[in-house]
Amino acid sequence: MYLNIEFNNMEKTTVKARSRQGTKSMDLTIPAKVCGELDISPGDIFELTVKKDEKEVLTYKRVYKIK
């Protein structure tokens, strides 16, 4: 599965879901440019919303910011 990331005034970026050894969970890498622009840090917590219609859309909303 590939996901497109797009937000205000930034180009669309494609990321790849990667498996985690020893678990069925998947990781999505947030590109460094996006982390810098949005001040995303390790430990920040995001809420995931899944919308299924003609396309599958994953939306991440930051609910906690590490200080």
N, C-alpha and C. Protein backbone atom coordinates (compact mmCIF):
# COMPACT_ATOMS: atom_id res chain seq x y z
N MET A 1 0.84 -1.17 0.00
CA MET A 1 0.00 0.00 0.00
C MET A 1 0.89 1.23 0.00
N TYR A 2 0.62 2.17 -0.86
CA TYR A 2 1.29 3.45 -0.87
C TYR A 2 0.31 4.52 -0.47
N LEU A 3 0.73 5.52 0.26
CA LEU A 3 -0.13 6.61 0.69
C LEU A 3 0.42 7.92 0.17
N ASN A 4 -0.46 8.80 -0.24
CA ASN A 4 -0.06 10.13 -0.68
C ASN A 4 -0.28 11.10 0.46
N ILE A 5 0.72 11.92 0.75
CA ILE A 5 0.63 12.94 1.78
C ILE A 5 0.58 14.29 1.08
N GLU A 6 -0.39 15.10 1.42
CA GLU A 6 -0.51 16.41 0.81
C GLU A 6 -1.10 17.36 1.84
N PHE A 7 -0.48 18.51 2.04
CA PHE A 7 -1.05 19.53 2.92
C PHE A 7 -0.67 20.89 2.39
N ASN A 8 -1.22 21.91 3.01
CA ASN A 8 -1.11 23.28 2.51
C ASN A 8 0.26 23.64 1.94
N ASN A 9 0.25 24.01 0.67
CA ASN A 9 1.43 24.54 -0.01
C ASN A 9 2.63 23.60 -0.06
N MET A 10 2.41 22.30 0.09
CA MET A 10 3.51 21.36 -0.06
C MET A 10 3.14 20.36 -1.14
N GLU A 11 4.15 19.88 -1.82
CA GLU A 11 3.89 18.90 -2.88
C GLU A 11 3.40 17.59 -2.31
N LYS A 12 2.78 16.81 -3.16
CA LYS A 12 2.29 15.48 -2.76
C LYS A 12 3.49 14.55 -2.64
N THR A 13 3.51 13.74 -1.60
CA THR A 13 4.59 12.80 -1.34
C THR A 13 3.99 11.41 -1.19
N THR A 14 4.66 10.42 -1.73
CA THR A 14 4.21 9.03 -1.61
C THR A 14 5.10 8.31 -0.61
N VAL A 15 4.48 7.57 0.32
CA VAL A 15 5.23 6.78 1.30
C VAL A 15 4.78 5.33 1.21
N LYS A 16 5.63 4.44 1.63
CA LYS A 16 5.35 3.00 1.56
C LYS A 16 5.13 2.45 2.96
N ALA A 17 4.11 1.60 3.11
CA ALA A 17 3.89 0.90 4.38
C ALA A 17 4.96 -0.18 4.50
N ARG A 18 5.57 -0.29 5.66
CA ARG A 18 6.62 -1.28 5.89
C ARG A 18 6.23 -2.17 7.06
N SER A 19 6.54 -3.44 6.92
CA SER A 19 6.21 -4.39 7.99
C SER A 19 7.20 -4.23 9.15
N ARG A 20 6.72 -4.61 10.32
CA ARG A 20 7.57 -4.61 11.52
C ARG A 20 7.87 -6.05 11.88
N GLN A 21 9.11 -6.36 12.12
CA GLN A 21 9.51 -7.73 12.43
C GLN A 21 8.85 -8.20 13.72
N GLY A 22 8.23 -9.37 13.66
CA GLY A 22 7.65 -9.97 14.84
C GLY A 22 6.23 -9.51 15.16
N THR A 23 5.62 -8.70 14.30
CA THR A 23 4.26 -8.22 14.55
C THR A 23 3.54 -8.01 13.23
N LYS A 24 2.24 -7.92 13.26
CA LYS A 24 1.46 -7.67 12.05
C LYS A 24 1.25 -6.18 11.80
N SER A 25 1.74 -5.32 12.70
CA SER A 25 1.63 -3.87 12.54
C SER A 25 2.47 -3.39 11.37
N MET A 26 2.10 -2.24 10.83
CA MET A 26 2.85 -1.61 9.74
C MET A 26 3.31 -0.22 10.19
N ASP A 27 4.41 0.24 9.64
CA ASP A 27 4.93 1.58 9.89
C ASP A 27 4.80 2.42 8.62
N LEU A 28 4.44 3.68 8.77
CA LEU A 28 4.48 4.65 7.69
C LEU A 28 5.52 5.69 8.08
N THR A 29 6.46 5.96 7.21
CA THR A 29 7.51 6.93 7.49
C THR A 29 7.02 8.32 7.13
N ILE A 30 7.13 9.25 8.06
CA ILE A 30 6.80 10.65 7.78
C ILE A 30 8.08 11.29 7.25
N PRO A 31 8.06 11.82 6.03
CA PRO A 31 9.27 12.42 5.47
C PRO A 31 9.83 13.54 6.35
N ALA A 32 11.15 13.67 6.38
CA ALA A 32 11.83 14.67 7.21
C ALA A 32 11.32 16.08 6.95
N LYS A 33 11.05 16.41 5.69
CA LYS A 33 10.55 17.75 5.36
C LYS A 33 9.21 18.02 6.04
N VAL A 34 8.34 17.02 6.06
CA VAL A 34 7.03 17.17 6.71
C VAL A 34 7.21 17.30 8.22
N CYS A 35 8.09 16.48 8.80
CA CYS A 35 8.37 16.57 10.24
C CYS A 35 8.86 17.96 10.62
N GLY A 36 9.74 18.51 9.79
CA GLY A 36 10.27 19.84 10.07
C GLY A 36 9.20 20.91 9.94
N GLU A 37 8.42 20.86 8.87
CA GLU A 37 7.37 21.87 8.64
C GLU A 37 6.30 21.84 9.71
N LEU A 38 5.98 20.65 10.22
CA LEU A 38 4.89 20.51 11.20
C LEU A 38 5.39 20.30 12.62
N ASP A 39 6.72 20.38 12.82
CA ASP A 39 7.33 20.21 14.14
C ASP A 39 6.89 18.90 14.80
N ILE A 40 6.97 17.80 14.04
CA ILE A 40 6.62 16.47 14.55
C ILE A 40 7.86 15.86 15.19
N SER A 41 7.69 15.34 16.39
CA SER A 41 8.79 14.75 17.14
C SER A 41 8.48 13.31 17.52
N PRO A 42 9.52 12.49 17.76
CA PRO A 42 9.28 11.13 18.26
C PRO A 42 8.49 11.22 19.57
N GLY A 43 7.48 10.41 19.69
CA GLY A 43 6.65 10.42 20.90
C GLY A 43 5.34 11.19 20.74
N ASP A 44 5.24 12.04 19.71
CA ASP A 44 3.95 12.69 19.44
C ASP A 44 2.91 11.61 19.20
N ILE A 45 1.69 11.86 19.61
CA ILE A 45 0.62 10.86 19.50
C ILE A 45 -0.42 11.34 18.50
N PHE A 46 -0.83 10.43 17.61
CA PHE A 46 -1.78 10.74 16.55
C PHE A 46 -3.00 9.84 16.65
N GLU A 47 -4.16 10.41 16.31
CA GLU A 47 -5.41 9.66 16.21
C GLU A 47 -5.59 9.27 14.74
N LEU A 48 -5.95 8.04 14.48
CA LEU A 48 -6.14 7.55 13.11
C LEU A 48 -7.62 7.39 12.82
N THR A 49 -8.07 7.98 11.70
CA THR A 49 -9.43 7.81 11.21
C THR A 49 -9.35 7.15 9.84
N VAL A 50 -10.16 6.11 9.62
CA VAL A 50 -10.18 5.39 8.35
C VAL A 50 -11.52 5.64 7.69
N LYS A 51 -11.49 6.09 6.44
CA LYS A 51 -12.71 6.32 5.67
C LYS A 51 -12.66 5.41 4.45
N LYS A 52 -13.68 4.57 4.30
CA LYS A 52 -13.75 3.66 3.17
C LYS A 52 -14.96 4.02 2.32
N ASP A 53 -14.72 4.43 1.10
CA ASP A 53 -15.78 4.58 0.11
C ASP A 53 -15.17 4.10 -1.20
N GLU A 54 -15.18 4.89 -2.26
CA GLU A 54 -14.53 4.43 -3.49
C GLU A 54 -13.00 4.41 -3.35
N LYS A 55 -12.49 5.15 -2.36
CA LYS A 55 -11.07 5.13 -2.04
C LYS A 55 -10.92 4.91 -0.54
N GLU A 56 -9.81 4.33 -0.15
CA GLU A 56 -9.53 4.18 1.28
C GLU A 56 -8.67 5.36 1.70
N VAL A 57 -9.13 6.11 2.71
CA VAL A 57 -8.41 7.30 3.15
C VAL A 57 -8.06 7.16 4.63
N LEU A 58 -6.77 7.31 4.93
CA LEU A 58 -6.31 7.32 6.31
C LEU A 58 -5.99 8.76 6.68
N THR A 59 -6.55 9.24 7.79
CA THR A 59 -6.29 10.60 8.24
C THR A 59 -5.68 10.52 9.64
N TYR A 60 -4.54 11.19 9.81
CA TYR A 60 -3.87 11.24 11.10
C TYR A 60 -4.02 12.65 11.68
N LYS A 61 -4.45 12.73 12.93
CA LYS A 61 -4.59 14.01 13.63
C LYS A 61 -3.75 13.94 14.90
N ARG A 62 -2.83 14.91 15.06
CA ARG A 62 -2.00 14.91 16.26
C ARG A 62 -2.88 15.29 17.46
N VAL A 63 -2.86 14.45 18.49
CA VAL A 63 -3.65 14.71 19.69
C VAL A 63 -2.77 15.03 20.90
N TYR A 64 -1.46 14.78 20.77
CA TYR A 64 -0.54 15.12 21.84
C TYR A 64 0.82 15.46 21.26
N LYS A 65 1.38 16.59 21.65
CA LYS A 65 2.69 17.05 21.19
C LYS A 65 3.69 16.95 22.32
N ILE A 66 4.78 16.23 22.09
CA ILE A 66 5.88 16.18 23.06
C ILE A 66 6.50 17.58 23.14
N LYS A 67 6.78 18.03 24.34
CA LYS A 67 7.32 19.40 24.51
C LYS A 67 8.82 19.43 24.43
